[in-house]
């Protein structure tokens, strides 16, 4: 089955009905969603790890020439020293947590894609 949401095409994989593919041709992006990729226990452990071990920060962003503090926390994880552009500023990745690397390896095996 398929549906159109805005410019995004959502397709349910016929071979794996639990897999949902979201394709946004305007952004040249495809997202594959695998429900229950992590067990409830794994998800809780990862959440606890990220909550406690990551240096989350609340950062202000400029919207319509005003500094606004969005209601979310931000952290930049990735290959150590890698630079990211985000809302007009450059962020430097602090490296990966071992627990997150474990999940990334599982994702890479599932989708055979390099994640940065």
N, C-alpha and C. Protein backbone atom coordinates (compact mmCIF):
# COMPACT_ATOMS: atom_id res chain seq x y z
N UNK A 1 0.85 -1.19 0.00
CA UNK A 1 0.00 0.00 0.00
C UNK A 1 0.88 1.24 0.00
N UNK A 2 0.34 2.36 -0.44
CA UNK A 2 1.10 3.61 -0.49
C UNK A 2 0.19 4.77 -0.13
N UNK A 3 0.79 5.85 0.33
CA UNK A 3 0.03 7.06 0.62
C UNK A 3 0.91 8.26 0.32
N UNK A 4 0.32 9.39 0.10
CA UNK A 4 1.07 10.62 -0.16
C UNK A 4 0.80 11.59 0.97
N UNK A 5 1.86 12.06 1.63
CA UNK A 5 1.74 13.02 2.73
C UNK A 5 2.58 14.22 2.35
N UNK A 6 1.94 15.32 1.97
CA UNK A 6 2.69 16.46 1.46
C UNK A 6 3.44 16.02 0.22
N UNK A 7 4.75 16.21 0.21
CA UNK A 7 5.54 15.77 -0.94
C UNK A 7 6.12 14.38 -0.70
N UNK A 8 5.81 13.76 0.44
CA UNK A 8 6.41 12.49 0.80
C UNK A 8 5.55 11.31 0.36
N UNK A 9 6.20 10.32 -0.20
CA UNK A 9 5.52 9.08 -0.59
C UNK A 9 5.83 8.02 0.45
N UNK A 10 4.81 7.46 1.08
CA UNK A 10 4.98 6.41 2.08
C UNK A 10 4.60 5.08 1.44
N UNK A 11 5.49 4.12 1.48
CA UNK A 11 5.24 2.82 0.85
C UNK A 11 5.46 1.72 1.88
N UNK A 12 4.52 0.80 1.98
CA UNK A 12 4.70 -0.37 2.83
C UNK A 12 5.32 -1.46 1.97
N UNK A 13 6.45 -1.99 2.43
CA UNK A 13 7.18 -3.02 1.71
C UNK A 13 6.36 -4.31 1.66
N UNK A 14 6.07 -4.82 0.46
CA UNK A 14 5.25 -6.03 0.33
C UNK A 14 5.96 -7.27 0.86
N UNK A 15 7.29 -7.31 0.73
CA UNK A 15 8.05 -8.47 1.21
C UNK A 15 8.22 -8.44 2.72
N UNK A 16 8.24 -7.25 3.29
CA UNK A 16 8.38 -7.10 4.74
C UNK A 16 7.35 -6.06 5.18
N UNK A 17 6.11 -6.46 5.47
CA UNK A 17 5.04 -5.51 5.75
C UNK A 17 5.29 -4.60 6.96
N UNK A 18 6.25 -4.96 7.82
CA UNK A 18 6.54 -4.12 8.98
C UNK A 18 7.48 -2.97 8.61
N UNK A 19 8.07 -3.04 7.40
CA UNK A 19 9.01 -2.02 6.94
C UNK A 19 8.25 -0.94 6.17
N UNK A 20 8.47 0.30 6.53
CA UNK A 20 7.82 1.43 5.86
C UNK A 20 8.92 2.31 5.25
N UNK A 21 8.76 2.67 3.99
CA UNK A 21 9.74 3.52 3.31
C UNK A 21 9.09 4.87 3.06
N UNK A 22 9.75 5.93 3.48
CA UNK A 22 9.25 7.29 3.26
C UNK A 22 10.22 7.96 2.30
N UNK A 23 9.72 8.38 1.15
CA UNK A 23 10.56 8.97 0.13
C UNK A 23 10.09 10.40 -0.12
N UNK A 24 10.97 11.36 0.05
CA UNK A 24 10.65 12.76 -0.20
C UNK A 24 11.48 13.23 -1.40
N UNK A 25 10.90 13.22 -2.61
CA UNK A 25 11.67 13.57 -3.79
C UNK A 25 12.14 15.02 -3.81
N UNK A 26 11.46 15.91 -3.10
CA UNK A 26 11.88 17.31 -3.09
C UNK A 26 13.17 17.50 -2.30
N UNK A 27 13.39 16.67 -1.31
CA UNK A 27 14.59 16.76 -0.49
C UNK A 27 15.61 15.69 -0.85
N UNK A 28 15.29 14.82 -1.81
CA UNK A 28 16.16 13.71 -2.22
C UNK A 28 16.53 12.86 -1.00
N UNK A 29 15.51 12.50 -0.21
CA UNK A 29 15.70 11.76 1.03
C UNK A 29 14.77 10.55 1.05
N UNK A 30 15.30 9.43 1.49
CA UNK A 30 14.47 8.26 1.73
C UNK A 30 14.74 7.77 3.14
N UNK A 31 13.69 7.53 3.89
CA UNK A 31 13.80 7.04 5.26
C UNK A 31 13.12 5.68 5.32
N UNK A 32 13.80 4.71 5.89
CA UNK A 32 13.19 3.40 6.09
C UNK A 32 12.92 3.23 7.57
N UNK A 33 11.69 2.92 7.92
CA UNK A 33 11.28 2.76 9.31
C UNK A 33 11.04 1.28 9.60
N UNK A 34 11.73 0.77 10.59
CA UNK A 34 11.57 -0.61 11.00
C UNK A 34 11.00 -0.63 12.42
N UNK A 35 9.71 -0.84 12.57
CA UNK A 35 9.13 -0.90 13.92
C UNK A 35 9.80 -2.02 14.73
N UNK A 36 9.99 -1.77 15.98
CA UNK A 36 10.57 -2.73 16.92
C UNK A 36 11.98 -3.17 16.52
N UNK A 37 12.74 -2.26 15.89
CA UNK A 37 14.13 -2.57 15.56
C UNK A 37 14.92 -2.85 16.83
N UNK A 38 14.61 -2.09 17.89
CA UNK A 38 15.16 -2.34 19.22
C UNK A 38 14.05 -2.94 20.08
N UNK A 39 14.42 -3.84 20.96
CA UNK A 39 13.44 -4.33 21.92
C UNK A 39 13.13 -3.21 22.90
N UNK A 40 12.07 -3.35 23.66
CA UNK A 40 11.74 -2.34 24.67
C UNK A 40 12.87 -2.18 25.67
N UNK A 41 13.50 -3.27 26.06
CA UNK A 41 14.60 -3.22 27.03
C UNK A 41 15.80 -2.49 26.42
N UNK A 42 16.15 -2.82 25.16
CA UNK A 42 17.27 -2.15 24.49
C UNK A 42 17.00 -0.65 24.35
N UNK A 43 15.78 -0.30 23.97
CA UNK A 43 15.43 1.11 23.79
C UNK A 43 15.53 1.86 25.12
N UNK A 44 15.06 1.25 26.19
CA UNK A 44 15.13 1.89 27.52
C UNK A 44 16.58 2.07 27.95
N UNK A 45 17.40 1.04 27.73
CA UNK A 45 18.81 1.14 28.11
C UNK A 45 19.52 2.23 27.30
N UNK A 46 19.23 2.33 26.00
CA UNK A 46 19.85 3.36 25.16
C UNK A 46 19.38 4.74 25.59
N UNK A 47 18.10 4.88 25.87
CA UNK A 47 17.56 6.16 26.33
C UNK A 47 18.25 6.59 27.63
N UNK A 48 18.35 5.67 28.57
CA UNK A 48 19.00 5.99 29.85
C UNK A 48 20.45 6.40 29.64
N UNK A 49 21.15 5.69 28.77
CA UNK A 49 22.54 5.99 28.46
C UNK A 49 22.67 7.39 27.86
N UNK A 50 21.85 7.68 26.86
CA UNK A 50 21.91 9.00 26.21
C UNK A 50 21.52 10.10 27.18
N UNK A 51 20.55 9.83 28.04
CA UNK A 51 20.11 10.84 29.01
C UNK A 51 21.22 11.19 30.00
N UNK A 52 21.98 10.17 30.42
CA UNK A 52 22.96 10.38 31.48
C UNK A 52 24.36 10.71 30.98
N UNK A 53 24.77 10.18 29.83
CA UNK A 53 26.16 10.31 29.40
C UNK A 53 26.42 11.40 28.36
N UNK A 54 25.37 11.93 27.75
CA UNK A 54 25.56 12.95 26.72
C UNK A 54 25.41 14.33 27.34
N UNK A 55 26.28 15.23 26.91
CA UNK A 55 26.24 16.61 27.39
C UNK A 55 25.20 17.40 26.57
N UNK A 56 23.94 17.28 26.98
CA UNK A 56 22.86 17.98 26.29
C UNK A 56 22.88 19.45 26.63
N UNK A 57 22.60 20.31 25.64
CA UNK A 57 22.59 21.75 25.86
C UNK A 57 21.35 22.37 25.23
N UNK A 58 20.93 23.44 25.82
CA UNK A 58 19.83 24.22 25.23
C UNK A 58 20.48 25.41 24.55
N UNK A 59 20.31 25.47 23.23
CA UNK A 59 20.97 26.53 22.46
C UNK A 59 19.94 27.48 21.86
N UNK A 60 20.33 28.73 21.75
CA UNK A 60 19.45 29.72 21.15
C UNK A 60 19.69 29.75 19.64
N UNK A 61 18.61 29.95 18.89
CA UNK A 61 18.71 30.08 17.44
C UNK A 61 18.06 31.39 17.02
N UNK A 62 18.51 31.90 15.88
CA UNK A 62 17.99 33.17 15.38
C UNK A 62 16.85 32.88 14.40
N UNK A 63 15.65 33.35 14.76
CA UNK A 63 14.48 33.21 13.90
C UNK A 63 13.88 34.59 13.73
N UNK A 64 13.79 35.02 12.48
CA UNK A 64 13.25 36.34 12.15
C UNK A 64 13.93 37.43 12.98
N UNK A 65 15.26 37.39 13.00
CA UNK A 65 16.11 38.39 13.68
C UNK A 65 15.91 38.43 15.20
N UNK A 66 15.40 37.37 15.78
CA UNK A 66 15.26 37.29 17.23
C UNK A 66 15.88 36.00 17.73
N UNK A 67 16.60 36.09 18.86
CA UNK A 67 17.14 34.88 19.47
C UNK A 67 16.04 34.17 20.23
N UNK A 68 15.84 32.91 19.87
CA UNK A 68 14.78 32.11 20.46
C UNK A 68 15.40 30.85 21.04
N UNK A 69 14.93 30.43 22.20
CA UNK A 69 15.41 29.18 22.81
C UNK A 69 14.37 28.09 22.55
N UNK A 70 14.65 27.22 21.56
CA UNK A 70 13.68 26.16 21.26
C UNK A 70 13.50 25.22 22.45
N UNK A 71 12.34 24.58 22.55
CA UNK A 71 12.07 23.68 23.68
C UNK A 71 12.65 22.29 23.46
N UNK A 72 13.94 22.24 23.11
CA UNK A 72 14.60 20.95 22.92
C UNK A 72 16.06 21.06 23.33
N UNK A 73 16.63 19.95 23.67
CA UNK A 73 18.04 19.87 24.01
C UNK A 73 18.80 19.38 22.79
N UNK A 74 20.06 19.82 22.65
CA UNK A 74 20.87 19.50 21.48
C UNK A 74 22.20 18.91 21.93
N UNK A 75 22.66 17.91 21.19
CA UNK A 75 24.00 17.36 21.38
C UNK A 75 24.50 16.96 20.00
N UNK A 76 25.81 17.06 19.78
CA UNK A 76 26.38 16.70 18.49
C UNK A 76 27.28 15.49 18.67
N UNK A 77 26.78 14.34 18.22
CA UNK A 77 27.54 13.11 18.27
C UNK A 77 27.86 12.70 16.84
N UNK A 78 29.02 12.14 16.63
CA UNK A 78 29.44 11.72 15.30
C UNK A 78 30.91 11.38 15.34
N UNK A 79 31.50 11.18 14.17
CA UNK A 79 32.93 10.91 14.11
C UNK A 79 33.67 12.07 14.76
N UNK A 80 34.57 11.80 15.70
CA UNK A 80 35.27 12.84 16.45
C UNK A 80 35.88 13.88 15.53
N UNK A 81 35.60 15.13 15.84
CA UNK A 81 36.19 16.24 15.09
C UNK A 81 35.44 16.62 13.83
N UNK A 82 34.45 15.83 13.44
CA UNK A 82 33.68 16.13 12.25
C UNK A 82 32.86 17.40 12.48
N UNK A 83 32.82 18.28 11.49
CA UNK A 83 32.09 19.54 11.61
C UNK A 83 30.72 19.43 10.95
N UNK A 84 29.69 19.93 11.64
CA UNK A 84 28.33 19.93 11.13
C UNK A 84 27.84 21.37 11.07
N UNK A 85 27.08 21.69 10.04
CA UNK A 85 26.40 22.98 9.96
C UNK A 85 24.98 22.79 10.47
N UNK A 86 24.56 23.63 11.40
CA UNK A 86 23.23 23.51 11.97
C UNK A 86 22.73 24.89 12.34
N UNK A 87 21.59 25.26 11.83
CA UNK A 87 20.97 26.57 12.04
C UNK A 87 21.99 27.72 12.05
N UNK A 88 22.80 27.74 11.03
CA UNK A 88 23.72 28.86 10.85
C UNK A 88 24.99 28.83 11.67
N UNK A 89 25.24 27.79 12.42
CA UNK A 89 26.48 27.71 13.17
C UNK A 89 27.14 26.36 12.95
N UNK A 90 28.44 26.32 13.18
CA UNK A 90 29.19 25.09 12.99
C UNK A 90 29.33 24.37 14.33
N UNK A 91 29.03 23.10 14.32
CA UNK A 91 29.15 22.26 15.52
C UNK A 91 30.23 21.22 15.26
N UNK A 92 30.95 20.84 16.30
CA UNK A 92 32.00 19.82 16.19
C UNK A 92 31.54 18.59 16.97
N UNK A 93 31.56 17.45 16.30
CA UNK A 93 31.11 16.21 16.93
C UNK A 93 32.05 15.80 18.05
N UNK A 94 31.46 15.27 19.11
CA UNK A 94 32.24 14.86 20.28
C UNK A 94 32.60 13.38 20.28
N UNK A 95 32.27 12.67 19.20
CA UNK A 95 32.54 11.23 19.15
C UNK A 95 31.28 10.45 19.44
N UNK A 96 31.39 9.14 19.31
CA UNK A 96 30.25 8.25 19.53
C UNK A 96 30.35 7.57 20.90
N UNK A 97 29.23 7.33 21.52
CA UNK A 97 29.19 6.50 22.72
C UNK A 97 29.24 5.04 22.27
N UNK A 98 29.91 4.17 23.01
CA UNK A 98 29.97 2.76 22.63
C UNK A 98 28.57 2.14 22.46
N UNK A 99 27.64 2.52 23.32
CA UNK A 99 26.28 1.98 23.24
C UNK A 99 25.59 2.40 21.93
N UNK A 100 25.87 3.61 21.49
CA UNK A 100 25.29 4.10 20.24
C UNK A 100 25.97 3.45 19.04
N UNK A 101 27.26 3.21 19.13
CA UNK A 101 27.98 2.52 18.05
C UNK A 101 27.41 1.12 17.82
N UNK A 102 27.04 0.45 18.89
CA UNK A 102 26.43 -0.88 18.77
C UNK A 102 25.17 -0.82 17.92
N UNK A 103 24.34 0.18 18.16
CA UNK A 103 23.11 0.34 17.40
C UNK A 103 23.43 0.72 15.95
N UNK A 104 24.41 1.59 15.75
CA UNK A 104 24.80 2.00 14.41
C UNK A 104 25.29 0.81 13.59
N UNK A 105 26.05 -0.07 14.20
CA UNK A 105 26.52 -1.27 13.50
C UNK A 105 25.33 -2.13 13.07
N UNK A 106 24.35 -2.28 13.95
CA UNK A 106 23.15 -3.04 13.59
C UNK A 106 22.39 -2.39 12.44
N UNK A 107 22.31 -1.07 12.47
CA UNK A 107 21.63 -0.34 11.38
C UNK A 107 22.38 -0.54 10.07
N UNK A 108 23.71 -0.41 10.11
CA UNK A 108 24.51 -0.59 8.89
C UNK A 108 24.31 -1.97 8.30
N UNK A 109 24.26 -2.98 9.14
CA UNK A 109 24.05 -4.34 8.65
C UNK A 109 22.66 -4.47 8.02
N UNK A 110 21.70 -3.77 8.59
CA UNK A 110 20.31 -3.85 8.09
C UNK A 110 20.16 -3.15 6.75
N UNK A 111 20.78 -1.98 6.60
CA UNK A 111 20.54 -1.19 5.39
C UNK A 111 21.76 -1.09 4.48
N UNK A 112 22.90 -1.64 4.91
CA UNK A 112 24.10 -1.61 4.10
C UNK A 112 24.43 -0.21 3.60
N UNK A 113 24.52 0.72 4.53
CA UNK A 113 24.75 2.11 4.19
C UNK A 113 25.72 2.72 5.19
N UNK A 114 26.58 3.63 4.74
CA UNK A 114 27.55 4.27 5.63
C UNK A 114 26.91 5.46 6.33
N UNK A 115 27.00 5.49 7.64
CA UNK A 115 26.41 6.58 8.43
C UNK A 115 27.53 7.43 8.98
N UNK A 116 27.38 8.74 8.87
CA UNK A 116 28.35 9.69 9.42
C UNK A 116 27.69 10.53 10.46
